[in-house]
Amino acid sequence: KYKIQAKNNTPAAQEKCITRLLLYHFCVN
């Protein structure tokens, strides 16, 4: 009821985000 959009991200999309973030954090940040 507090979610702004009704649409949800798929688990695959969430996992892609986490994987890419770890790559960026260790290789860029």
mmCIF file of all heavy atoms, coordinates in Angstrom:
data_MODEL
# 
_entry.id   MODEL 
# 
loop_
_atom_site.group_PDB 
_atom_site.id 
_atom_site.type_symbol 
_atom_site.label_atom_id 
_atom_site.label_alt_id 
_atom_site.label_comp_id 
_atom_site.label_asym_id 
_atom_site.label_entity_id 
_atom_site.label_seq_id 
_atom_site.pdbx_PDB_ins_code 
_atom_site.Cartn_x 
_atom_site.Cartn_y 
_atom_site.Cartn_z 
_atom_site.occupancy 
_atom_site.B_iso_or_equiv 
_atom_site.pdbx_formal_charge 
_atom_site.auth_seq_id 
_atom_site.auth_comp_id 
_atom_site.auth_asym_id 
_atom_site.auth_atom_id 
_atom_site.pdbx_PDB_model_num 
ATOM 1   N N   . LYS A 1 1  ? 0.824  -1.215  0.000   1.00 0.00 ? 1  LYS A N   1 
ATOM 2   C CA  . LYS A 1 1  ? 0.000  0.000   0.000   1.00 0.00 ? 1  LYS A CA  1 
ATOM 3   C C   . LYS A 1 1  ? 0.858  1.265   0.000   1.00 0.00 ? 1  LYS A C   1 
ATOM 4   O O   . LYS A 1 1  ? 0.367  2.356   -0.291  1.00 0.00 ? 1  LYS A O   1 
ATOM 5   C CB  . LYS A 1 1  ? -0.968 0.006   1.175   1.00 0.00 ? 1  LYS A CB  1 
ATOM 6   C CG  . LYS A 1 1  ? -0.330 0.124   2.548   1.00 0.00 ? 1  LYS A CG  1 
ATOM 7   C CD  . LYS A 1 1  ? -1.421 0.176   3.622   1.00 0.00 ? 1  LYS A CD  1 
ATOM 8   C CE  . LYS A 1 1  ? -0.844 0.291   5.027   1.00 0.00 ? 1  LYS A CE  1 
ATOM 9   N NZ  . LYS A 1 1  ? -1.912 0.378   6.047   1.00 0.00 ? 1  LYS A NZ  1 
ATOM 10  N N   . TYR A 1 2  ? 2.135  1.112   0.336   1.00 0.00 ? 2  TYR A N   1 
ATOM 11  C CA  . TYR A 1 2  ? 3.040  2.261   0.324   1.00 0.00 ? 2  TYR A CA  1 
ATOM 12  C C   . TYR A 1 2  ? 3.898  2.302   -0.936  1.00 0.00 ? 2  TYR A C   1 
ATOM 13  O O   . TYR A 1 2  ? 4.699  3.218   -1.110  1.00 0.00 ? 2  TYR A O   1 
ATOM 14  C CB  . TYR A 1 2  ? 3.959  2.237   1.551   1.00 0.00 ? 2  TYR A CB  1 
ATOM 15  C CG  . TYR A 1 2  ? 3.207  2.275   2.861   1.00 0.00 ? 2  TYR A CG  1 
ATOM 16  C CD1 . TYR A 1 2  ? 3.368  1.272   3.812   1.00 0.00 ? 2  TYR A CD1 1 
ATOM 17  C CD2 . TYR A 1 2  ? 2.330  3.316   3.151   1.00 0.00 ? 2  TYR A CD2 1 
ATOM 18  C CE1 . TYR A 1 2  ? 2.679  1.304   5.016   1.00 0.00 ? 2  TYR A CE1 1 
ATOM 19  C CE2 . TYR A 1 2  ? 1.638  3.367   4.345   1.00 0.00 ? 2  TYR A CE2 1 
ATOM 20  C CZ  . TYR A 1 2  ? 1.821  2.352   5.276   1.00 0.00 ? 2  TYR A CZ  1 
ATOM 21  O OH  . TYR A 1 2  ? 1.129  2.394   6.464   1.00 0.00 ? 2  TYR A OH  1 
ATOM 22  N N   . LYS A 1 3  ? 3.738  1.307   -1.804  1.00 0.00 ? 3  LYS A N   1 
ATOM 23  C CA  . LYS A 1 3  ? 4.540  1.260   -3.017  1.00 0.00 ? 3  LYS A CA  1 
ATOM 24  C C   . LYS A 1 3  ? 4.016  2.294   -4.008  1.00 0.00 ? 3  LYS A C   1 
ATOM 25  O O   . LYS A 1 3  ? 2.808  2.408   -4.239  1.00 0.00 ? 3  LYS A O   1 
ATOM 26  C CB  . LYS A 1 3  ? 4.499  -0.138  -3.642  1.00 0.00 ? 3  LYS A CB  1 
ATOM 27  C CG  . LYS A 1 3  ? 5.631  -0.407  -4.615  1.00 0.00 ? 3  LYS A CG  1 
ATOM 28  C CD  . LYS A 1 3  ? 5.680  -1.880  -4.993  1.00 0.00 ? 3  LYS A CD  1 
ATOM 29  C CE  . LYS A 1 3  ? 6.902  -2.162  -5.859  1.00 0.00 ? 3  LYS A CE  1 
ATOM 30  N NZ  . LYS A 1 3  ? 6.964  -1.372  -7.066  1.00 0.00 ? 3  LYS A NZ  1 
ATOM 31  N N   . ILE A 1 4  ? 4.915  3.044   -4.606  1.00 0.00 ? 4  ILE A N   1 
ATOM 32  C CA  . ILE A 1 4  ? 4.515  4.143   -5.475  1.00 0.00 ? 4  ILE A CA  1 
ATOM 33  C C   . ILE A 1 4  ? 3.982  3.632   -6.806  1.00 0.00 ? 4  ILE A C   1 
ATOM 34  O O   . ILE A 1 4  ? 2.975  4.116   -7.311  1.00 0.00 ? 4  ILE A O   1 
ATOM 35  C CB  . ILE A 1 4  ? 5.705  5.106   -5.698  1.00 0.00 ? 4  ILE A CB  1 
ATOM 36  C CG1 . ILE A 1 4  ? 6.144  5.703   -4.354  1.00 0.00 ? 4  ILE A CG1 1 
ATOM 37  C CG2 . ILE A 1 4  ? 5.324  6.213   -6.671  1.00 0.00 ? 4  ILE A CG2 1 
ATOM 38  C CD1 . ILE A 1 4  ? 7.451  6.459   -4.398  1.00 0.00 ? 4  ILE A CD1 1 
ATOM 39  N N   . GLN A 1 5  ? 4.655  2.644   -7.393  1.00 0.00 ? 5  GLN A N   1 
ATOM 40  C CA  . GLN A 1 5  ? 4.209  2.053   -8.654  1.00 0.00 ? 5  GLN A CA  1 
ATOM 41  C C   . GLN A 1 5  ? 3.721  0.620   -8.427  1.00 0.00 ? 5  GLN A C   1 
ATOM 42  O O   . GLN A 1 5  ? 4.284  -0.103  -7.603  1.00 0.00 ? 5  GLN A O   1 
ATOM 43  C CB  . GLN A 1 5  ? 5.351  2.037   -9.675  1.00 0.00 ? 5  GLN A CB  1 
ATOM 44  C CG  . GLN A 1 5  ? 5.868  3.410   -10.070 1.00 0.00 ? 5  GLN A CG  1 
ATOM 45  C CD  . GLN A 1 5  ? 6.868  3.321   -11.207 1.00 0.00 ? 5  GLN A CD  1 
ATOM 46  O OE1 . GLN A 1 5  ? 6.635  2.665   -12.217 1.00 0.00 ? 5  GLN A OE1 1 
ATOM 47  N NE2 . GLN A 1 5  ? 7.997  3.998   -11.031 1.00 0.00 ? 5  GLN A NE2 1 
ATOM 48  N N   . ALA A 1 6  ? 2.712  0.234   -9.176  1.00 0.00 ? 6  ALA A N   1 
ATOM 49  C CA  . ALA A 1 6  ? 2.170  -1.119  -9.042  1.00 0.00 ? 6  ALA A CA  1 
ATOM 50  C C   . ALA A 1 6  ? 3.098  -2.163  -9.651  1.00 0.00 ? 6  ALA A C   1 
ATOM 51  O O   . ALA A 1 6  ? 3.147  -3.310  -9.209  1.00 0.00 ? 6  ALA A O   1 
ATOM 52  C CB  . ALA A 1 6  ? 0.795  -1.199  -9.713  1.00 0.00 ? 6  ALA A CB  1 
ATOM 53  N N   . LYS A 1 7  ? 3.861  -1.742  -10.660 1.00 0.00 ? 7  LYS A N   1 
ATOM 54  C CA  . LYS A 1 7  ? 4.747  -2.663  -11.356 1.00 0.00 ? 7  LYS A CA  1 
ATOM 55  C C   . LYS A 1 7  ? 5.905  -3.106  -10.457 1.00 0.00 ? 7  LYS A C   1 
ATOM 56  O O   . LYS A 1 7  ? 6.427  -2.314  -9.670  1.00 0.00 ? 7  LYS A O   1 
ATOM 57  C CB  . LYS A 1 7  ? 5.309  -1.989  -12.607 1.00 0.00 ? 7  LYS A CB  1 
ATOM 58  C CG  . LYS A 1 7  ? 6.243  -2.858  -13.423 1.00 0.00 ? 7  LYS A CG  1 
ATOM 59  C CD  . LYS A 1 7  ? 6.806  -2.077  -14.605 1.00 0.00 ? 7  LYS A CD  1 
ATOM 60  C CE  . LYS A 1 7  ? 7.846  -2.894  -15.354 1.00 0.00 ? 7  LYS A CE  1 
ATOM 61  N NZ  . LYS A 1 7  ? 8.464  -2.130  -16.459 1.00 0.00 ? 7  LYS A NZ  1 
ATOM 62  N N   . ASN A 1 8  ? 6.301  -4.384  -10.575 1.00 0.00 ? 8  ASN A N   1 
ATOM 63  C CA  . ASN A 1 8  ? 7.450  -4.916  -9.839  1.00 0.00 ? 8  ASN A CA  1 
ATOM 64  C C   . ASN A 1 8  ? 8.572  -5.287  -10.805 1.00 0.00 ? 8  ASN A C   1 
ATOM 65  O O   . ASN A 1 8  ? 8.329  -5.617  -11.960 1.00 0.00 ? 8  ASN A O   1 
ATOM 66  C CB  . ASN A 1 8  ? 7.063  -6.169  -9.049  1.00 0.00 ? 8  ASN A CB  1 
ATOM 67  C CG  . ASN A 1 8  ? 6.198  -5.840  -7.847  1.00 0.00 ? 8  ASN A CG  1 
ATOM 68  O OD1 . ASN A 1 8  ? 6.325  -4.784  -7.242  1.00 0.00 ? 8  ASN A OD1 1 
ATOM 69  N ND2 . ASN A 1 8  ? 5.300  -6.750  -7.508  1.00 0.00 ? 8  ASN A ND2 1 
ATOM 70  N N   . ASN A 1 9  ? 9.796  -5.245  -10.302 1.00 0.00 ? 9  ASN A N   1 
ATOM 71  C CA  . ASN A 1 9  ? 10.938 -5.710  -11.081 1.00 0.00 ? 9  ASN A CA  1 
ATOM 72  C C   . ASN A 1 9  ? 11.051 -7.226  -10.958 1.00 0.00 ? 9  ASN A C   1 
ATOM 73  O O   . ASN A 1 9  ? 10.743 -7.800  -9.908  1.00 0.00 ? 9  ASN A O   1 
ATOM 74  C CB  . ASN A 1 9  ? 12.227 -5.065  -10.571 1.00 0.00 ? 9  ASN A CB  1 
ATOM 75  C CG  . ASN A 1 9  ? 12.276 -3.575  -10.832 1.00 0.00 ? 9  ASN A CG  1 
ATOM 76  O OD1 . ASN A 1 9  ? 12.529 -3.134  -11.939 1.00 0.00 ? 9  ASN A OD1 1 
ATOM 77  N ND2 . ASN A 1 9  ? 11.995 -2.782  -9.792  1.00 0.00 ? 9  ASN A ND2 1 
ATOM 78  N N   . THR A 1 10 ? 11.506 -7.880  -11.999 1.00 0.00 ? 10 THR A N   1 
ATOM 79  C CA  . THR A 1 10 ? 11.697 -9.325  -11.943 1.00 0.00 ? 10 THR A CA  1 
ATOM 80  C C   . THR A 1 10 ? 12.946 -9.643  -11.119 1.00 0.00 ? 10 THR A C   1 
ATOM 81  O O   . THR A 1 10 ? 13.856 -8.809  -11.019 1.00 0.00 ? 10 THR A O   1 
ATOM 82  C CB  . THR A 1 10 ? 11.882 -9.910  -13.353 1.00 0.00 ? 10 THR A CB  1 
ATOM 83  O OG1 . THR A 1 10 ? 13.092 -9.385  -13.920 1.00 0.00 ? 10 THR A OG1 1 
ATOM 84  C CG2 . THR A 1 10 ? 10.696 -9.554  -14.239 1.00 0.00 ? 10 THR A CG2 1 
ATOM 85  N N   . PRO A 1 11 ? 13.011 -10.838 -10.527 1.00 0.00 ? 11 PRO A N   1 
ATOM 86  C CA  . PRO A 1 11 ? 14.232 -11.243 -9.815  1.00 0.00 ? 11 PRO A CA  1 
ATOM 87  C C   . PRO A 1 11 ? 15.471 -11.163 -10.698 1.00 0.00 ? 11 PRO A C   1 
ATOM 88  O O   . PRO A 1 11 ? 16.547 -10.791 -10.228 1.00 0.00 ? 11 PRO A O   1 
ATOM 89  C CB  . PRO A 1 11 ? 13.925 -12.685 -9.398  1.00 0.00 ? 11 PRO A CB  1 
ATOM 90  C CG  . PRO A 1 11 ? 12.434 -12.729 -9.263  1.00 0.00 ? 11 PRO A CG  1 
ATOM 91  C CD  . PRO A 1 11 ? 11.934 -11.834 -10.357 1.00 0.00 ? 11 PRO A CD  1 
ATOM 92  N N   . ALA A 1 12 ? 15.317 -11.484 -11.977 1.00 0.00 ? 12 ALA A N   1 
ATOM 93  C CA  . ALA A 1 12 ? 16.452 -11.428 -12.908 1.00 0.00 ? 12 ALA A CA  1 
ATOM 94  C C   . ALA A 1 12 ? 16.969 -9.999  -13.058 1.00 0.00 ? 12 ALA A C   1 
ATOM 95  O O   . ALA A 1 12 ? 18.180 -9.757  -13.097 1.00 0.00 ? 12 ALA A O   1 
ATOM 96  C CB  . ALA A 1 12 ? 16.046 -11.992 -14.273 1.00 0.00 ? 12 ALA A CB  1 
ATOM 97  N N   . ALA A 1 13 ? 16.045 -9.037  -13.122 1.00 0.00 ? 13 ALA A N   1 
ATOM 98  C CA  . ALA A 1 13 ? 16.430 -7.629  -13.245 1.00 0.00 ? 13 ALA A CA  1 
ATOM 99  C C   . ALA A 1 13 ? 17.120 -7.150  -11.968 1.00 0.00 ? 13 ALA A C   1 
ATOM 100 O O   . ALA A 1 13 ? 18.092 -6.380  -12.023 1.00 0.00 ? 13 ALA A O   1 
ATOM 101 C CB  . ALA A 1 13 ? 15.203 -6.771  -13.533 1.00 0.00 ? 13 ALA A CB  1 
ATOM 102 N N   . GLN A 1 14 ? 16.629 -7.581  -10.827 1.00 0.00 ? 14 GLN A N   1 
ATOM 103 C CA  . GLN A 1 14 ? 17.260 -7.208  -9.557  1.00 0.00 ? 14 GLN A CA  1 
ATOM 104 C C   . GLN A 1 14 ? 18.659 -7.796  -9.437  1.00 0.00 ? 14 GLN A C   1 
ATOM 105 O O   . GLN A 1 14 ? 19.591 -7.128  -8.987  1.00 0.00 ? 14 GLN A O   1 
ATOM 106 C CB  . GLN A 1 14 ? 16.378 -7.676  -8.396  1.00 0.00 ? 14 GLN A CB  1 
ATOM 107 C CG  . GLN A 1 14 ? 15.037 -6.968  -8.326  1.00 0.00 ? 14 GLN A CG  1 
ATOM 108 C CD  . GLN A 1 14 ? 14.078 -7.622  -7.346  1.00 0.00 ? 14 GLN A CD  1 
ATOM 109 O OE1 . GLN A 1 14 ? 14.233 -8.793  -7.000  1.00 0.00 ? 14 GLN A OE1 1 
ATOM 110 N NE2 . GLN A 1 14 ? 13.088 -6.876  -6.889  1.00 0.00 ? 14 GLN A NE2 1 
ATOM 111 N N   . GLU A 1 15 ? 18.797 -9.056  -9.854  1.00 0.00 ? 15 GLU A N   1 
ATOM 112 C CA  . GLU A 1 15 ? 20.101 -9.720  -9.778  1.00 0.00 ? 15 GLU A CA  1 
ATOM 113 C C   . GLU A 1 15 ? 21.099 -9.093  -10.743 1.00 0.00 ? 15 GLU A C   1 
ATOM 114 O O   . GLU A 1 15 ? 22.291 -8.967  -10.441 1.00 0.00 ? 15 GLU A O   1 
ATOM 115 C CB  . GLU A 1 15 ? 19.941 -11.215 -10.066 1.00 0.00 ? 15 GLU A CB  1 
ATOM 116 C CG  . GLU A 1 15 ? 19.260 -11.957 -8.918  1.00 0.00 ? 15 GLU A CG  1 
ATOM 117 C CD  . GLU A 1 15 ? 18.663 -13.293 -9.344  1.00 0.00 ? 15 GLU A CD  1 
ATOM 118 O OE1 . GLU A 1 15 ? 18.990 -13.752 -10.465 1.00 0.00 ? 15 GLU A OE1 1 
ATOM 119 O OE2 . GLU A 1 15 ? 17.885 -13.873 -8.558  1.00 0.00 ? 15 GLU A OE2 1 
ATOM 120 N N   . LYS A 1 16 ? 20.618 -8.669  -11.907 1.00 0.00 ? 16 LYS A N   1 
ATOM 121 C CA  . LYS A 1 16 ? 21.475 -7.975  -12.869 1.00 0.00 ? 16 LYS A CA  1 
ATOM 122 C C   . LYS A 1 16 ? 22.013 -6.686  -12.261 1.00 0.00 ? 16 LYS A C   1 
ATOM 123 O O   . LYS A 1 16 ? 23.200 -6.360  -12.405 1.00 0.00 ? 16 LYS A O   1 
ATOM 124 C CB  . LYS A 1 16 ? 20.692 -7.655  -14.142 1.00 0.00 ? 16 LYS A CB  1 
ATOM 125 C CG  . LYS A 1 16 ? 21.466 -6.811  -15.146 1.00 0.00 ? 16 LYS A CG  1 
ATOM 126 C CD  . LYS A 1 16 ? 20.556 -6.290  -16.238 1.00 0.00 ? 16 LYS A CD  1 
ATOM 127 C CE  . LYS A 1 16 ? 21.287 -5.294  -17.126 1.00 0.00 ? 16 LYS A CE  1 
ATOM 128 N NZ  . LYS A 1 16 ? 20.396 -4.682  -18.151 1.00 0.00 ? 16 LYS A NZ  1 
ATOM 129 N N   . CYS A 1 17 ? 21.147 -5.965  -11.568 1.00 0.00 ? 17 CYS A N   1 
ATOM 130 C CA  . CYS A 1 17 ? 21.538 -4.716  -10.911 1.00 0.00 ? 17 CYS A CA  1 
ATOM 131 C C   . CYS A 1 17 ? 22.638 -4.964  -9.877  1.00 0.00 ? 17 CYS A C   1 
ATOM 132 O O   . CYS A 1 17 ? 23.657 -4.268  -9.857  1.00 0.00 ? 17 CYS A O   1 
ATOM 133 C CB  . CYS A 1 17 ? 20.315 -4.072  -10.255 1.00 0.00 ? 17 CYS A CB  1 
ATOM 134 S SG  . CYS A 1 17 ? 20.686 -2.568  -9.317  1.00 0.00 ? 17 CYS A SG  1 
ATOM 135 N N   . ILE A 1 18 ? 22.447 -5.968  -9.032  1.00 0.00 ? 18 ILE A N   1 
ATOM 136 C CA  . ILE A 1 18 ? 23.420 -6.262  -7.972  1.00 0.00 ? 18 ILE A CA  1 
ATOM 137 C C   . ILE A 1 18 ? 24.766 -6.677  -8.574  1.00 0.00 ? 18 ILE A C   1 
ATOM 138 O O   . ILE A 1 18 ? 25.825 -6.202  -8.136  1.00 0.00 ? 18 ILE A O   1 
ATOM 139 C CB  . ILE A 1 18 ? 22.881 -7.370  -7.046  1.00 0.00 ? 18 ILE A CB  1 
ATOM 140 C CG1 . ILE A 1 18 ? 21.661 -6.867  -6.286  1.00 0.00 ? 18 ILE A CG1 1 
ATOM 141 C CG2 . ILE A 1 18 ? 23.958 -7.829  -6.061  1.00 0.00 ? 18 ILE A CG2 1 
ATOM 142 C CD1 . ILE A 1 18 ? 20.928 -7.933  -5.495  1.00 0.00 ? 18 ILE A CD1 1 
ATOM 143 N N   . THR A 1 19 ? 24.733 -7.523  -9.584  1.00 0.00 ? 19 THR A N   1 
ATOM 144 C CA  . THR A 1 19 ? 25.969 -7.983  -10.223 1.00 0.00 ? 19 THR A CA  1 
ATOM 145 C C   . THR A 1 19 ? 26.740 -6.827  -10.838 1.00 0.00 ? 19 THR A C   1 
ATOM 146 O O   . THR A 1 19 ? 27.955 -6.696  -10.672 1.00 0.00 ? 19 THR A O   1 
ATOM 147 C CB  . THR A 1 19 ? 25.659 -9.031  -11.318 1.00 0.00 ? 19 THR A CB  1 
ATOM 148 O OG1 . THR A 1 19 ? 24.934 -10.112 -10.740 1.00 0.00 ? 19 THR A OG1 1 
ATOM 149 C CG2 . THR A 1 19 ? 26.934 -9.554  -11.941 1.00 0.00 ? 19 THR A CG2 1 
ATOM 150 N N   . ARG A 1 20 ? 26.016 -5.972  -11.557 1.00 0.00 ? 20 ARG A N   1 
ATOM 151 C CA  . ARG A 1 20 ? 26.654 -4.822  -12.200 1.00 0.00 ? 20 ARG A CA  1 
ATOM 152 C C   . ARG A 1 20 ? 27.198 -3.842  -11.160 1.00 0.00 ? 20 ARG A C   1 
ATOM 153 O O   . ARG A 1 20 ? 28.271 -3.263  -11.342 1.00 0.00 ? 20 ARG A O   1 
ATOM 154 C CB  . ARG A 1 20 ? 25.634 -4.121  -13.101 1.00 0.00 ? 20 ARG A CB  1 
ATOM 155 C CG  . ARG A 1 20 ? 26.204 -3.110  -14.068 1.00 0.00 ? 20 ARG A CG  1 
ATOM 156 C CD  . ARG A 1 20 ? 26.917 -3.758  -15.225 1.00 0.00 ? 20 ARG A CD  1 
ATOM 157 N NE  . ARG A 1 20 ? 26.030 -4.567  -16.025 1.00 0.00 ? 20 ARG A NE  1 
ATOM 158 C CZ  . ARG A 1 20 ? 25.285 -4.080  -17.038 1.00 0.00 ? 20 ARG A CZ  1 
ATOM 159 N NH1 . ARG A 1 20 ? 25.329 -2.793  -17.341 1.00 0.00 ? 20 ARG A NH1 1 
ATOM 160 N NH2 . ARG A 1 20 ? 24.522 -4.892  -17.740 1.00 0.00 ? 20 ARG A NH2 1 
ATOM 161 N N   . LEU A 1 21 ? 26.467 -3.677  -10.068 1.00 0.00 ? 21 LEU A N   1 
ATOM 162 C CA  . LEU A 1 21 ? 26.918 -2.772  -9.007  1.00 0.00 ? 21 LEU A CA  1 
ATOM 163 C C   . LEU A 1 21 ? 28.229 -3.239  -8.395  1.00 0.00 ? 21 LEU A C   1 
ATOM 164 O O   . LEU A 1 21 ? 29.144 -2.439  -8.173  1.00 0.00 ? 21 LEU A O   1 
ATOM 165 C CB  . LEU A 1 21 ? 25.850 -2.666  -7.909  1.00 0.00 ? 21 LEU A CB  1 
ATOM 166 C CG  . LEU A 1 21 ? 24.656 -1.765  -8.212  1.00 0.00 ? 21 LEU A CG  1 
ATOM 167 C CD1 . LEU A 1 21 ? 23.574 -1.967  -7.158  1.00 0.00 ? 21 LEU A CD1 1 
ATOM 168 C CD2 . LEU A 1 21 ? 25.073 -0.303  -8.266  1.00 0.00 ? 21 LEU A CD2 1 
ATOM 169 N N   . LEU A 1 22 ? 28.335 -4.523  -8.108  1.00 0.00 ? 22 LEU A N   1 
ATOM 170 C CA  . LEU A 1 22 ? 29.564 -5.055  -7.528  1.00 0.00 ? 22 LEU A CA  1 
ATOM 171 C C   . LEU A 1 22 ? 30.740 -4.843  -8.474  1.00 0.00 ? 22 LEU A C   1 
ATOM 172 O O   . LEU A 1 22 ? 31.850 -4.501  -8.050  1.00 0.00 ? 22 LEU A O   1 
ATOM 173 C CB  . LEU A 1 22 ? 29.390 -6.538  -7.201  1.00 0.00 ? 22 LEU A CB  1 
ATOM 174 C CG  . LEU A 1 22 ? 28.460 -6.848  -6.022  1.00 0.00 ? 22 LEU A CG  1 
ATOM 175 C CD1 . LEU A 1 22 ? 28.186 -8.350  -5.933  1.00 0.00 ? 22 LEU A CD1 1 
ATOM 176 C CD2 . LEU A 1 22 ? 29.040 -6.336  -4.710  1.00 0.00 ? 22 LEU A CD2 1 
ATOM 177 N N   . LEU A 1 23 ? 30.490 -5.030  -9.770  1.00 0.00 ? 23 LEU A N   1 
ATOM 178 C CA  . LEU A 1 23 ? 31.531 -4.799  -10.766 1.00 0.00 ? 23 LEU A CA  1 
ATOM 179 C C   . LEU A 1 23 ? 31.969 -3.331  -10.767 1.00 0.00 ? 23 LEU A C   1 
ATOM 180 O O   . LEU A 1 23 ? 33.168 -3.030  -10.737 1.00 0.00 ? 23 LEU A O   1 
ATOM 181 C CB  . LEU A 1 23 ? 31.016 -5.200  -12.151 1.00 0.00 ? 23 LEU A CB  1 
ATOM 182 C CG  . LEU A 1 23 ? 31.971 -4.966  -13.328 1.00 0.00 ? 23 LEU A CG  1 
ATOM 183 C CD1 . LEU A 1 23 ? 33.188 -5.874  -13.214 1.00 0.00 ? 23 LEU A CD1 1 
ATOM 184 C CD2 . LEU A 1 23 ? 31.246 -5.201  -14.660 1.00 0.00 ? 23 LEU A CD2 1 
ATOM 185 N N   . TYR A 1 24 ? 31.001 -2.419  -10.777 1.00 0.00 ? 24 TYR A N   1 
ATOM 186 C CA  . TYR A 1 24 ? 31.316 -0.993  -10.790 1.00 0.00 ? 24 TYR A CA  1 
ATOM 187 C C   . TYR A 1 24 ? 32.022 -0.555  -9.506  1.00 0.00 ? 24 TYR A C   1 
ATOM 188 O O   . TYR A 1 24 ? 32.972 0.223   -9.539  1.00 0.00 ? 24 TYR A O   1 
ATOM 189 C CB  . TYR A 1 24 ? 30.034 -0.164  -10.959 1.00 0.00 ? 24 TYR A CB  1 
ATOM 190 C CG  . TYR A 1 24 ? 29.402 -0.243  -12.333 1.00 0.00 ? 24 TYR A CG  1 
ATOM 191 C CD1 . TYR A 1 24 ? 28.076 0.125   -12.526 1.00 0.00 ? 24 TYR A CD1 1 
ATOM 192 C CD2 . TYR A 1 24 ? 30.118 -0.697  -13.436 1.00 0.00 ? 24 TYR A CD2 1 
ATOM 193 C CE1 . TYR A 1 24 ? 27.480 0.067   -13.772 1.00 0.00 ? 24 TYR A CE1 1 
ATOM 194 C CE2 . TYR A 1 24 ? 29.533 -0.767  -14.683 1.00 0.00 ? 24 TYR A CE2 1 
ATOM 195 C CZ  . TYR A 1 24 ? 28.211 -0.382  -14.851 1.00 0.00 ? 24 TYR A CZ  1 
ATOM 196 O OH  . TYR A 1 24 ? 27.626 -0.442  -16.086 1.00 0.00 ? 24 TYR A OH  1 
ATOM 197 N N   . HIS A 1 25 ? 31.536 -1.066  -8.384  1.00 0.00 ? 25 HIS A N   1 
ATOM 198 C CA  . HIS A 1 25 ? 32.104 -0.643  -7.108  1.00 0.00 ? 25 HIS A CA  1 
ATOM 199 C C   . HIS A 1 25 ? 33.567 -1.054  -6.968  1.00 0.00 ? 25 HIS A C   1 
ATOM 200 O O   . HIS A 1 25 ? 34.401 -0.269  -6.512  1.00 0.00 ? 25 HIS A O   1 
ATOM 201 C CB  . HIS A 1 25 ? 31.281 -1.220  -5.949  1.00 0.00 ? 25 HIS A CB  1 
ATOM 202 C CG  . HIS A 1 25 ? 29.974 -0.529  -5.770  1.00 0.00 ? 25 HIS A CG  1 
ATOM 203 N ND1 . HIS A 1 25 ? 29.091 -0.843  -4.757  1.00 0.00 ? 25 HIS A ND1 1 
ATOM 204 C CD2 . HIS A 1 25 ? 29.368 0.465   -6.470  1.00 0.00 ? 25 HIS A CD2 1 
ATOM 205 C CE1 . HIS A 1 25 ? 28.028 -0.077  -4.845  1.00 0.00 ? 25 HIS A CE1 1 
ATOM 206 N NE2 . HIS A 1 25 ? 28.168 0.718   -5.879  1.00 0.00 ? 25 HIS A NE2 1 
ATOM 207 N N   . PHE A 1 26 ? 33.877 -2.282  -7.378  1.00 0.00 ? 26 PHE A N   1 
ATOM 208 C CA  . PHE A 1 26 ? 35.252 -2.771  -7.236  1.00 0.00 ? 26 PHE A CA  1 
ATOM 209 C C   . PHE A 1 26 ? 36.173 -2.278  -8.356  1.00 0.00 ? 26 PHE A C   1 
ATOM 210 O O   . PHE A 1 26 ? 37.377 -2.106  -8.135  1.00 0.00 ? 26 PHE A O   1 
ATOM 211 C CB  . PHE A 1 26 ? 35.268 -4.304  -7.186  1.00 0.00 ? 26 PHE A CB  1 
ATOM 212 C CG  . PHE A 1 26 ? 34.934 -4.861  -5.837  1.00 0.00 ? 26 PHE A CG  1 
ATOM 213 C CD1 . PHE A 1 26 ? 33.632 -5.244  -5.527  1.00 0.00 ? 26 PHE A CD1 1 
ATOM 214 C CD2 . PHE A 1 26 ? 35.909 -4.978  -4.851  1.00 0.00 ? 26 PHE A CD2 1 
ATOM 215 C CE1 . PHE A 1 26 ? 33.307 -5.750  -4.272  1.00 0.00 ? 26 PHE A CE1 1 
ATOM 216 C CE2 . PHE A 1 26 ? 35.595 -5.488  -3.590  1.00 0.00 ? 26 PHE A CE2 1 
ATOM 217 C CZ  . PHE A 1 26 ? 34.301 -5.873  -3.297  1.00 0.00 ? 26 PHE A CZ  1 
ATOM 218 N N   . CYS A 1 27 ? 35.601 -2.038  -9.528  1.00 0.00 ? 27 CYS A N   1 
ATOM 219 C CA  . CYS A 1 27 ? 36.436 -1.654  -10.674 1.00 0.00 ? 27 CYS A CA  1 
ATOM 220 C C   . CYS A 1 27 ? 36.464 -0.149  -10.945 1.00 0.00 ? 27 CYS A C   1 
ATOM 221 O O   . CYS A 1 27 ? 37.321 0.327   -11.696 1.00 0.00 ? 27 CYS A O   1 
ATOM 222 C CB  . CYS A 1 27 ? 35.971 -2.386  -11.937 1.00 0.00 ? 27 CYS A CB  1 
ATOM 223 S SG  . CYS A 1 27 ? 36.142 -4.175  -11.820 1.00 0.00 ? 27 CYS A SG  1 
ATOM 224 N N   . VAL A 1 28 ? 35.517 0.595   -10.380 1.00 0.00 ? 28 VAL A N   1 
ATOM 225 C CA  . VAL A 1 28 ? 35.469 2.048   -10.586 1.00 0.00 ? 28 VAL A CA  1 
ATOM 226 C C   . VAL A 1 28 ? 35.606 2.793   -9.253  1.00 0.00 ? 28 VAL A C   1 
ATOM 227 O O   . VAL A 1 28 ? 36.522 3.606   -9.070  1.00 0.00 ? 28 VAL A O   1 
ATOM 228 C CB  . VAL A 1 28 ? 34.165 2.481   -11.299 1.00 0.00 ? 28 VAL A CB  1 
ATOM 229 C CG1 . VAL A 1 28 ? 34.142 4.001   -11.486 1.00 0.00 ? 28 VAL A CG1 1 
ATOM 230 C CG2 . VAL A 1 28 ? 34.047 1.785   -12.654 1.00 0.00 ? 28 VAL A CG2 1 
ATOM 231 N N   . ASN A 1 29 ? 34.695 2.515   -8.312  1.00 0.00 ? 29 ASN A N   1 
ATOM 232 C CA  . ASN A 1 29 ? 34.674 3.270   -7.063  1.00 0.00 ? 29 ASN A CA  1 
ATOM 233 C C   . ASN A 1 29 ? 35.943 3.104   -6.233  1.00 0.00 ? 29 ASN A C   1 
ATOM 234 O O   . ASN A 1 29 ? 36.539 4.090   -5.779  1.00 0.00 ? 29 ASN A O   1 
ATOM 235 C CB  . ASN A 1 29 ? 33.466 2.868   -6.216  1.00 0.00 ? 29 ASN A CB  1 
ATOM 236 C CG  . ASN A 1 29 ? 32.149 3.301   -6.838  1.00 0.00 ? 29 ASN A CG  1 
ATOM 237 O OD1 . ASN A 1 29 ? 32.094 3.686   -7.994  1.00 0.00 ? 29 ASN A OD1 1 
ATOM 238 N ND2 . ASN A 1 29 ? 31.071 3.228   -6.073  1.00 0.00 ? 29 ASN A ND2 1 
# 
